[in-house]
């Protein structure tokens, strides 16, 4: 199945800053679970909405997200993401519904 329309995607992912020196979240860490979101509805960062569109179940992609496609000028302080940060996500689509 290829992503079309606005399905719910369930993914596993890891995320780092641009120079790969800081991991800020990973669903692959012990105790973490896959993450589900509705594609194209703005419930996640723009880089995910656009990056996952067109992916297939089982596909793995590395998404490079400029600040405009990540957390922008506010950052995400709770996860240690500074304002205007460029981020790298490795994301695998587990299911599409």
PDB file of N, CA and C in Angstrom:
ATOM      1  N   UNK A   1       0.841  -1.182   0.000  1.00  0.00           N
ATOM      2  CA  UNK A   1       0.000   0.000   0.000  1.00  0.00           C
ATOM      3  C   UNK A   1       0.882   1.239   0.000  1.00  0.00           C
ATOM      4  N   UNK A   2       0.558   2.204  -0.827  1.00  0.00           N
ATOM      5  CA  UNK A   2       1.244   3.493  -0.890  1.00  0.00           C
ATOM      6  C   UNK A   2       0.342   4.533  -0.246  1.00  0.00           C
ATOM      7  N   UNK A   3       0.953   5.499   0.460  1.00  0.00           N
ATOM      8  CA  UNK A   3       0.187   6.549   1.115  1.00  0.00           C
ATOM      9  C   UNK A   3      -0.530   7.411   0.086  1.00  0.00           C
ATOM     10  N   UNK A   4      -1.845   7.445   0.145  1.00  0.00           N
ATOM     11  CA  UNK A   4      -2.671   8.354  -0.655  1.00  0.00           C
ATOM     12  C   UNK A   4      -3.803   8.832   0.244  1.00  0.00           C
ATOM     13  N   UNK A   5      -4.345  10.004  -0.045  1.00  0.00           N
ATOM     14  CA  UNK A   5      -5.393  10.539   0.812  1.00  0.00           C
ATOM     15  C   UNK A   5      -4.830  10.909   2.166  1.00  0.00           C
ATOM     16  N   UNK A   6      -5.596  10.635   3.212  1.00  0.00           N
ATOM     17  CA  UNK A   6      -5.179  11.001   4.559  1.00  0.00           C
ATOM     18  C   UNK A   6      -5.277   9.819   5.515  1.00  0.00           C
ATOM     19  N   UNK A   7      -4.508   8.757   5.254  1.00  0.00           N
ATOM     20  CA  UNK A   7      -4.572   7.606   6.150  1.00  0.00           C
ATOM     21  C   UNK A   7      -3.827   7.878   7.459  1.00  0.00           C
ATOM     22  N   UNK A   8      -4.036   6.979   8.404  1.00  0.00           N
ATOM     23  CA  UNK A   8      -3.264   7.009   9.637  1.00  0.00           C
ATOM     24  C   UNK A   8      -2.036   6.134   9.427  1.00  0.00           C
ATOM     25  N   UNK A   9      -0.870   6.707   9.689  1.00  0.00           N
ATOM     26  CA  UNK A   9       0.391   5.976   9.573  1.00  0.00           C
ATOM     27  C   UNK A   9       0.882   5.618  10.968  1.00  0.00           C
ATOM     28  N   UNK A  10       1.372   4.409  11.119  1.00  0.00           N
ATOM     29  CA  UNK A  10       2.062   4.010  12.337  1.00  0.00           C
ATOM     30  C   UNK A  10       3.515   3.800  11.955  1.00  0.00           C
ATOM     31  N   UNK A  11       4.405   4.465  12.701  1.00  0.00           N
ATOM     32  CA  UNK A  11       5.818   4.482  12.349  1.00  0.00           C
ATOM     33  C   UNK A  11       6.683   4.223  13.576  1.00  0.00           C
ATOM     34  N   UNK A  12       7.916   3.819  13.306  1.00  0.00           N
ATOM     35  CA  UNK A  12       8.978   3.889  14.302  1.00  0.00           C
ATOM     36  C   UNK A  12      10.000   4.858  13.742  1.00  0.00           C
ATOM     37  N   UNK A  13      10.692   5.553  14.637  1.00  0.00           N
ATOM     38  CA  UNK A  13      11.628   6.566  14.153  1.00  0.00           C
ATOM     39  C   UNK A  13      12.683   6.881  15.198  1.00  0.00           C
ATOM     40  N   UNK A  14      13.748   7.477  14.725  1.00  0.00           N
ATOM     41  CA  UNK A  14      14.743   8.083  15.600  1.00  0.00           C
ATOM     42  C   UNK A  14      15.009   9.472  15.058  1.00  0.00           C
ATOM     43  N   UNK A  15      15.408  10.365  15.937  1.00  0.00           N
ATOM     44  CA  UNK A  15      15.573  11.757  15.541  1.00  0.00           C
ATOM     45  C   UNK A  15      16.828  12.335  16.173  1.00  0.00           C
ATOM     46  N   UNK A  16      17.551  13.105  15.353  1.00  0.00           N
ATOM     47  CA  UNK A  16      18.798  13.726  15.794  1.00  0.00           C
ATOM     48  C   UNK A  16      18.890  15.127  15.233  1.00  0.00           C
ATOM     49  N   UNK A  17      19.804  15.895  15.833  1.00  0.00           N
ATOM     50  CA  UNK A  17      20.073  17.207  15.261  1.00  0.00           C
ATOM     51  C   UNK A  17      20.889  17.034  13.985  1.00  0.00           C
ATOM     52  N   UNK A  18      21.063  18.123  13.247  1.00  0.00           N
ATOM     53  CA  UNK A  18      21.672  18.043  11.908  1.00  0.00           C
ATOM     54  C   UNK A  18      23.052  17.401  11.899  1.00  0.00           C
ATOM     55  N   UNK A  19      23.893  17.713  12.885  1.00  0.00           N
ATOM     56  CA  UNK A  19      25.250  17.145  12.866  1.00  0.00           C
ATOM     57  C   UNK A  19      25.310  15.760  13.521  1.00  0.00           C
ATOM     58  N   UNK A  20      24.139  15.215  13.858  1.00  0.00           N
ATOM     59  CA  UNK A  20      23.992  13.859  14.400  1.00  0.00           C
ATOM     60  C   UNK A  20      24.630  13.676  15.771  1.00  0.00           C
ATOM     61  N   UNK A  21      24.955  14.778  16.455  1.00  0.00           N
ATOM     62  CA  UNK A  21      25.615  14.679  17.752  1.00  0.00           C
ATOM     63  C   UNK A  21      24.633  14.494  18.908  1.00  0.00           C
ATOM     64  N   UNK A  22      23.354  14.780  18.689  1.00  0.00           N
ATOM     65  CA  UNK A  22      22.380  14.697  19.766  1.00  0.00           C
ATOM     66  C   UNK A  22      21.114  13.978  19.307  1.00  0.00           C
ATOM     67  N   UNK A  23      20.861  12.813  19.910  1.00  0.00           N
ATOM     68  CA  UNK A  23      19.584  12.127  19.675  1.00  0.00           C
ATOM     69  C   UNK A  23      18.595  12.720  20.663  1.00  0.00           C
ATOM     70  N   UNK A  24      17.413  13.136  20.179  1.00  0.00           N
ATOM     71  CA  UNK A  24      16.452  13.688  21.120  1.00  0.00           C
ATOM     72  C   UNK A  24      15.236  12.812  21.327  1.00  0.00           C
ATOM     73  N   UNK A  25      14.988  11.828  20.486  1.00  0.00           N
ATOM     74  CA  UNK A  25      13.869  10.911  20.714  1.00  0.00           C
ATOM     75  C   UNK A  25      14.002   9.723  19.776  1.00  0.00           C
ATOM     76  N   UNK A  26      13.600   8.563  20.256  1.00  0.00           N
ATOM     77  CA  UNK A  26      13.577   7.381  19.405  1.00  0.00           C
ATOM     78  C   UNK A  26      12.534   6.405  19.926  1.00  0.00           C
ATOM     79  N   UNK A  27      11.666   5.958  19.048  1.00  0.00           N
ATOM     80  CA  UNK A  27      10.703   4.927  19.434  1.00  0.00           C
ATOM     81  C   UNK A  27      11.374   3.558  19.487  1.00  0.00           C
ATOM     82  N   UNK A  28      12.641   3.503  19.122  1.00  0.00           N
ATOM     83  CA  UNK A  28      13.388   2.251  19.180  1.00  0.00           C
ATOM     84  C   UNK A  28      14.015   2.040  20.558  1.00  0.00           C
ATOM     85  N   UNK A  29      13.995   3.068  21.411  1.00  0.00           N
ATOM     86  CA  UNK A  29      14.550   2.953  22.756  1.00  0.00           C
ATOM     87  C   UNK A  29      13.679   2.038  23.609  1.00  0.00           C
ATOM     88  N   UNK A  30      14.279   1.367  24.602  1.00  0.00           N
ATOM     89  CA  UNK A  30      13.503   0.489  25.480  1.00  0.00           C
ATOM     90  C   UNK A  30      12.316   1.234  26.105  1.00  0.00           C
ATOM     91  N   UNK A  31      11.168   0.575  26.112  1.00  0.00           N
ATOM     92  CA  UNK A  31       9.976   1.141  26.718  1.00  0.00           C
ATOM     93  C   UNK A  31       9.166   2.049  25.813  1.00  0.00           C
ATOM     94  N   UNK A  32       9.687   2.380  24.643  1.00  0.00           N
ATOM     95  CA  UNK A  32       8.966   3.248  23.708  1.00  0.00           C
ATOM     96  C   UNK A  32       8.104   2.404  22.771  1.00  0.00           C
ATOM     97  N   UNK A  33       7.084   3.033  22.212  1.00  0.00           N
ATOM     98  CA  UNK A  33       6.153   2.336  21.321  1.00  0.00           C
ATOM     99  C   UNK A  33       6.088   3.050  19.980  1.00  0.00           C
ATOM    100  N   UNK A  34       5.633   2.360  18.938  1.00  0.00           N
ATOM    101  CA  UNK A  34       5.423   3.029  17.652  1.00  0.00           C
ATOM    102  C   UNK A  34       4.487   4.228  17.823  1.00  0.00           C
ATOM    103  N   UNK A  35       4.593   5.153  16.889  1.00  0.00           N
ATOM    104  CA  UNK A  35       3.828   6.403  16.923  1.00  0.00           C
ATOM    105  C   UNK A  35       2.864   6.427  15.748  1.00  0.00           C
ATOM    106  N   UNK A  36       1.618   6.813  15.995  1.00  0.00           N
ATOM    107  CA  UNK A  36       0.609   6.889  14.932  1.00  0.00           C
ATOM    108  C   UNK A  36       0.145   8.324  14.752  1.00  0.00           C
ATOM    109  N   UNK A  37      -0.088   8.702  13.494  1.00  0.00           N
ATOM    110  CA  UNK A  37      -0.603  10.036  13.195  1.00  0.00           C
ATOM    111  C   UNK A  37      -1.351  10.010  11.873  1.00  0.00           C
ATOM    112  N   UNK A  38      -2.265  10.947  11.715  1.00  0.00           N
ATOM    113  CA  UNK A  38      -3.042  11.077  10.483  1.00  0.00           C
ATOM    114  C   UNK A  38      -2.249  11.961   9.526  1.00  0.00           C
ATOM    115  N   UNK A  39      -1.882  11.423   8.385  1.00  0.00           N
ATOM    116  CA  UNK A  39      -1.038  12.121   7.414  1.00  0.00           C
ATOM    117  C   UNK A  39      -1.791  13.284   6.780  1.00  0.00           C
ATOM    118  N   UNK A  40      -1.086  14.412   6.660  1.00  0.00           N
ATOM    119  CA  UNK A  40      -1.624  15.564   5.950  1.00  0.00           C
ATOM    120  C   UNK A  40      -2.597  16.416   6.733  1.00  0.00           C
ATOM    121  N   UNK A  41      -2.718  16.186   8.020  1.00  0.00           N
ATOM    122  CA  UNK A  41      -3.682  16.933   8.829  1.00  0.00           C
ATOM    123  C   UNK A  41      -3.031  17.960   9.751  1.00  0.00           C
ATOM    124  N   UNK A  42      -1.701  18.091   9.697  1.00  0.00           N
ATOM    125  CA  UNK A  42      -1.022  19.081  10.526  1.00  0.00           C
ATOM    126  C   UNK A  42      -0.836  18.681  11.976  1.00  0.00           C
ATOM    127  N   UNK A  43      -0.993  17.403  12.286  1.00  0.00           N
ATOM    128  CA  UNK A  43      -0.824  16.951  13.668  1.00  0.00           C
ATOM    129  C   UNK A  43       0.636  16.668  14.016  1.00  0.00           C
ATOM    130  N   UNK A  44       1.498  16.674  13.012  1.00  0.00           N
ATOM    131  CA  UNK A  44       2.936  16.479  13.196  1.00  0.00           C
ATOM    132  C   UNK A  44       3.651  17.587  12.424  1.00  0.00           C
ATOM    133  N   UNK A  45       4.964  17.626  12.526  1.00  0.00           N
ATOM    134  CA  UNK A  45       5.706  18.655  11.796  1.00  0.00           C
ATOM    135  C   UNK A  45       5.524  18.482  10.284  1.00  0.00           C
ATOM    136  N   UNK A  46       5.684  19.568   9.580  1.00  0.00           N
ATOM    137  CA  UNK A  46       5.488  19.582   8.123  1.00  0.00           C
ATOM    138  C   UNK A  46       6.400  18.573   7.415  1.00  0.00           C
ATOM    139  N   UNK A  47       7.619  18.408   7.900  1.00  0.00           N
ATOM    140  CA  UNK A  47       8.548  17.457   7.299  1.00  0.00           C
ATOM    141  C   UNK A  47       8.027  16.034   7.322  1.00  0.00           C
ATOM    142  N   UNK A  48       7.321  15.667   8.383  1.00  0.00           N
ATOM    143  CA  UNK A  48       6.718  14.334   8.458  1.00  0.00           C
ATOM    144  C   UNK A  48       5.521  14.242   7.538  1.00  0.00           C
ATOM    145  N   UNK A  49       4.631  15.236   7.590  1.00  0.00           N
ATOM    146  CA  UNK A  49       3.441  15.202   6.728  1.00  0.00           C
ATOM    147  C   UNK A  49       3.830  15.028   5.263  1.00  0.00           C
ATOM    148  N   UNK A  50       4.806  15.789   4.817  1.00  0.00           N
ATOM    149  CA  UNK A  50       5.217  15.715   3.411  1.00  0.00           C
ATOM    150  C   UNK A  50       6.155  14.550   3.147  1.00  0.00           C
ATOM    151  N   UNK A  51       7.004  14.220   4.111  1.00  0.00           N
ATOM    152  CA  UNK A  51       7.994  13.168   3.912  1.00  0.00           C
ATOM    153  C   UNK A  51       7.414  11.771   3.871  1.00  0.00           C
ATOM    154  N   UNK A  52       6.368  11.527   4.644  1.00  0.00           N
ATOM    155  CA  UNK A  52       5.766  10.193   4.700  1.00  0.00           C
ATOM    156  C   UNK A  52       4.795   9.973   3.538  1.00  0.00           C
ATOM    157  N   UNK A  53       4.258  11.069   2.997  1.00  0.00           N
ATOM    158  CA  UNK A  53       3.349  10.957   1.851  1.00  0.00           C
ATOM    159  C   UNK A  53       4.077  10.241   0.709  1.00  0.00           C
ATOM    160  N   UNK A  54       3.493   9.195   0.203  1.00  0.00           N
ATOM    161  CA  UNK A  54       4.100   8.438  -0.888  1.00  0.00           C
ATOM    162  C   UNK A  54       4.927   7.243  -0.439  1.00  0.00           C
ATOM    163  N   UNK A  55       5.185   7.118   0.881  1.00  0.00           N
ATOM    164  CA  UNK A  55       5.927   5.961   1.380  1.00  0.00           C
ATOM    165  C   UNK A  55       5.024   4.737   1.418  1.00  0.00           C
ATOM    166  N   UNK A  56       5.653   3.576   1.421  1.00  0.00           N
ATOM    167  CA  UNK A  56       4.944   2.302   1.487  1.00  0.00           C
ATOM    168  C   UNK A  56       5.225   1.630   2.824  1.00  0.00           C
ATOM    169  N   UNK A  57       4.352   0.713   3.208  1.00  0.00           N
ATOM    170  CA  UNK A  57       4.573  -0.074   4.416  1.00  0.00           C
ATOM    171  C   UNK A  57       5.907  -0.803   4.279  1.00  0.00           C
ATOM    172  N   UNK A  58       6.728  -0.727   5.312  1.00  0.00           N
ATOM    173  CA  UNK A  58       8.041  -1.361   5.312  1.00  0.00           C
ATOM    174  C   UNK A  58       9.150  -0.469   4.801  1.00  0.00           C
ATOM    175  N   UNK A  59       8.808   0.628   4.174  1.00  0.00           N
ATOM    176  CA  UNK A  59       9.817   1.539   3.634  1.00  0.00           C
ATOM    177  C   UNK A  59      10.457   2.347   4.761  1.00  0.00           C
ATOM    178  N   UNK A  60      11.769   2.566   4.637  1.00  0.00           N
ATOM    179  CA  UNK A  60      12.528   3.382   5.579  1.00  0.00           C
ATOM    180  C   UNK A  60      13.072   4.579   4.818  1.00  0.00           C
ATOM    181  N   UNK A  61      12.951   5.755   5.417  1.00  0.00           N
ATOM    182  CA  UNK A  61      13.457   6.969   4.777  1.00  0.00           C
ATOM    183  C   UNK A  61      14.193   7.812   5.805  1.00  0.00           C
ATOM    184  N   UNK A  62      15.153   8.560   5.336  1.00  0.00           N
ATOM    185  CA  UNK A  62      15.826   9.554   6.162  1.00  0.00           C
ATOM    186  C   UNK A  62      15.315  10.913   5.713  1.00  0.00           C
ATOM    187  N   UNK A  63      14.691  11.621   6.631  1.00  0.00           N
ATOM    188  CA  UNK A  63      14.119  12.929   6.337  1.00  0.00           C
ATOM    189  C   UNK A  63      14.991  14.015   6.953  1.00  0.00           C
ATOM    190  N   UNK A  64      15.502  14.907   6.123  1.00  0.00           N
ATOM    191  CA  UNK A  64      16.223  16.080   6.599  1.00  0.00           C
ATOM    192  C   UNK A  64      15.218  17.214   6.625  1.00  0.00           C
ATOM    193  N   UNK A  65      15.031  17.816   7.787  1.00  0.00           N
ATOM    194  CA  UNK A  65      14.017  18.855   7.939  1.00  0.00           C
ATOM    195  C   UNK A  65      14.658  20.180   8.320  1.00  0.00           C
ATOM    196  N   UNK A  66      14.497  21.164   7.449  1.00  0.00           N
ATOM    197  CA  UNK A  66      14.922  22.523   7.780  1.00  0.00           C
ATOM    198  C   UNK A  66      14.011  23.031   8.900  1.00  0.00           C
ATOM    199  N   UNK A  67      14.382  24.127   9.571  1.00  0.00           N
ATOM    200  CA  UNK A  67      13.530  24.643  10.649  1.00  0.00           C
ATOM    201  C   UNK A  67      12.081  24.867  10.224  1.00  0.00           C
ATOM    202  N   UNK A  68      11.859  25.316   8.993  1.00  0.00           N
ATOM    203  CA  UNK A  68      10.494  25.548   8.517  1.00  0.00           C
ATOM    204  C   UNK A  68       9.689  24.255   8.411  1.00  0.00           C
ATOM    205  N   UNK A  69      10.365  23.121   8.317  1.00  0.00           N
ATOM    206  CA  UNK A  69       9.696  21.823   8.219  1.00  0.00           C
ATOM    207  C   UNK A  69       9.784  21.042   9.532  1.00  0.00           C
ATOM    208  N   UNK A  70      10.397  21.669  10.552  1.00  0.00           N
ATOM    209  CA  UNK A  70      10.530  21.024  11.857  1.00  0.00           C
ATOM    210  C   UNK A  70       9.810  21.880  12.910  1.00  0.00           C
ATOM    211  N   UNK A  71      10.546  22.409  13.884  1.00  0.00           N
ATOM    212  CA  UNK A  71       9.919  23.140  14.987  1.00  0.00           C
ATOM    213  C   UNK A  71      10.123  24.643  14.915  1.00  0.00           C
ATOM    214  N   UNK A  72      10.721  25.133  13.805  1.00  0.00           N
ATOM    215  CA  UNK A  72      10.791  26.562  13.530  1.00  0.00           C
ATOM    216  C   UNK A  72      11.464  27.403  14.591  1.00  0.00           C
ATOM    217  N   UNK A  73      10.987  28.641  14.705  1.00  0.00           N
ATOM    218  CA  UNK A  73      11.643  29.606  15.599  1.00  0.00           C
ATOM    219  C   UNK A  73      11.371  29.335  17.073  1.00  0.00           C
ATOM    220  N   UNK A  74      10.402  28.471  17.387  1.00  0.00           N
ATOM    221  CA  UNK A  74      10.127  28.147  18.790  1.00  0.00           C
ATOM    222  C   UNK A  74      10.948  26.974  19.304  1.00  0.00           C
ATOM    223  N   UNK A  75      11.393  26.100  18.408  1.00  0.00           N
ATOM    224  CA  UNK A  75      12.058  24.888  18.851  1.00  0.00           C
ATOM    225  C   UNK A  75      11.080  23.997  19.606  1.00  0.00           C
ATOM    226  N   UNK A  76      11.619  23.075  20.371  1.00  0.00           N
ATOM    227  CA  UNK A  76      10.812  22.205  21.235  1.00  0.00           C
ATOM    228  C   UNK A  76      11.621  22.013  22.517  1.00  0.00           C
ATOM    229  N   UNK A  77      11.563  23.004  23.422  1.00  0.00           N
ATOM    230  CA  UNK A  77      12.409  22.993  24.619  1.00  0.00           C
ATOM    231  C   UNK A  77      12.295  21.730  25.467  1.00  0.00           C
ATOM    232  N   UNK A  78      11.111  21.129  25.542  1.00  0.00           N
ATOM    233  CA  UNK A  78      10.950  19.928  26.367  1.00  0.00           C
ATOM    234  C   UNK A  78      11.849  18.785  25.907  1.00  0.00           C
ATOM    235  N   UNK A  79      12.197  18.764  24.633  1.00  0.00           N
ATOM    236  CA  UNK A  79      13.082  17.728  24.095  1.00  0.00           C
ATOM    237  C   UNK A  79      14.491  18.254  23.843  1.00  0.00           C
ATOM    238  N   UNK A  80      14.768  19.484  24.249  1.00  0.00           N
ATOM    239  CA  UNK A  80      16.095  20.061  24.059  1.00  0.00           C
ATOM    240  C   UNK A  80      16.357  20.533  22.641  1.00  0.00           C
ATOM    241  N   UNK A  81      15.301  20.744  21.859  1.00  0.00           N
ATOM    242  CA  UNK A  81      15.463  21.211  20.479  1.00  0.00           C
ATOM    243  C   UNK A  81      15.451  22.731  20.477  1.00  0.00           C
ATOM    244  N   UNK A  82      16.566  23.306  20.079  1.00  0.00           N
ATOM    245  CA  UNK A  82      16.724  24.755  20.062  1.00  0.00           C
ATOM    246  C   UNK A  82      15.937  25.376  18.912  1.00  0.00           C
ATOM    247  N   UNK A  83      15.590  26.664  19.031  1.00  0.00           N
ATOM    248  CA  UNK A  83      14.946  27.366  17.915  1.00  0.00           C
ATOM    249  C   UNK A  83      15.797  27.284  16.652  1.00  0.00           C
ATOM    250  N   UNK A  84      15.137  27.224  15.520  1.00  0.00           N
ATOM    251  CA  UNK A  84      15.780  27.204  14.198  1.00  0.00           C
ATOM    252  C   UNK A  84      16.691  25.994  13.989  1.00  0.00           C
ATOM    253  N   UNK A  85      16.372  24.876  14.613  1.00  0.00           N
ATOM    254  CA  UNK A  85      17.185  23.663  14.471  1.00  0.00           C
ATOM    255  C   UNK A  85      16.832  22.901  13.202  1.00  0.00           C
ATOM    256  N   UNK A  86      17.858  22.400  12.530  1.00  0.00           N
ATOM    257  CA  UNK A  86      17.690  21.469  11.415  1.00  0.00           C
ATOM    258  C   UNK A  86      17.767  20.069  12.007  1.00  0.00           C
ATOM    259  N   UNK A  87      16.833  19.204  11.620  1.00  0.00           N
ATOM    260  CA  UNK A  87      16.721  17.889  12.234  1.00  0.00           C
ATOM    261  C   UNK A  87      16.742  16.783  11.193  1.00  0.00           C
ATOM    262  N   UNK A  88      17.223  15.614  11.620  1.00  0.00           N
ATOM    263  CA  UNK A  88      17.265  14.416  10.785  1.00  0.00           C
ATOM    264  C   UNK A  88      16.393  13.352  11.456  1.00  0.00           C
ATOM    265  N   UNK A  89      15.495  12.754  10.682  1.00  0.00           N
ATOM    266  CA  UNK A  89      14.639  11.676  11.176  1.00  0.00           C
ATOM    267  C   UNK A  89      14.856  10.448  10.308  1.00  0.00           C
ATOM    268  N   UNK A  90      15.051   9.300  10.942  1.00  0.00           N
ATOM    269  CA  UNK A  90      14.995   8.028  10.226  1.00  0.00           C
ATOM    270  C   UNK A  90      13.657   7.413  10.607  1.00  0.00           C
ATOM    271  N   UNK A  91      12.820   7.205   9.616  1.00  0.00           N
ATOM    272  CA  UNK A  91      11.439   6.815   9.875  1.00  0.00           C
ATOM    273  C   UNK A  91      11.067   5.595   9.032  1.00  0.00           C
ATOM    274  N   UNK A  92      10.391   4.636   9.663  1.00  0.00           N
ATOM    275  CA  UNK A  92       9.922   3.434   8.970  1.00  0.00           C
ATOM    276  C   UNK A  92       8.416   3.327   9.131  1.00  0.00           C
ATOM    277  N   UNK A  93       7.715   3.136   8.034  1.00  0.00           N
ATOM    278  CA  UNK A  93       6.262   2.983   8.063  1.00  0.00           C
ATOM    279  C   UNK A  93       5.934   1.522   8.382  1.00  0.00           C
ATOM    280  N   UNK A  94       5.252   1.315   9.510  1.00  0.00           N
ATOM    281  CA  UNK A  94       4.844  -0.029   9.917  1.00  0.00           C
ATOM    282  C   UNK A  94       3.480  -0.403   9.363  1.00  0.00           C
ATOM    283  N   UNK A  95       2.562   0.572   9.330  1.00  0.00           N
ATOM    284  CA  UNK A  95       1.229   0.295   8.802  1.00  0.00           C
ATOM    285  C   UNK A  95       0.568   1.578   8.327  1.00  0.00           C
ATOM    286  N   UNK A  96      -0.411   1.403   7.443  1.00  0.00           N
ATOM    287  CA  UNK A  96      -1.237   2.496   6.923  1.00  0.00           C
ATOM    288  C   UNK A  96      -2.679   2.028   6.997  1.00  0.00           C
ATOM    289  N   UNK A  97      -3.529   2.828   7.578  1.00  0.00           N
ATOM    290  CA  UNK A  97      -4.940   2.436   7.705  1.00  0.00           C
ATOM    291  C   UNK A  97      -5.827   3.576   7.282  1.00  0.00           C
TER     292      UNK A  97
END
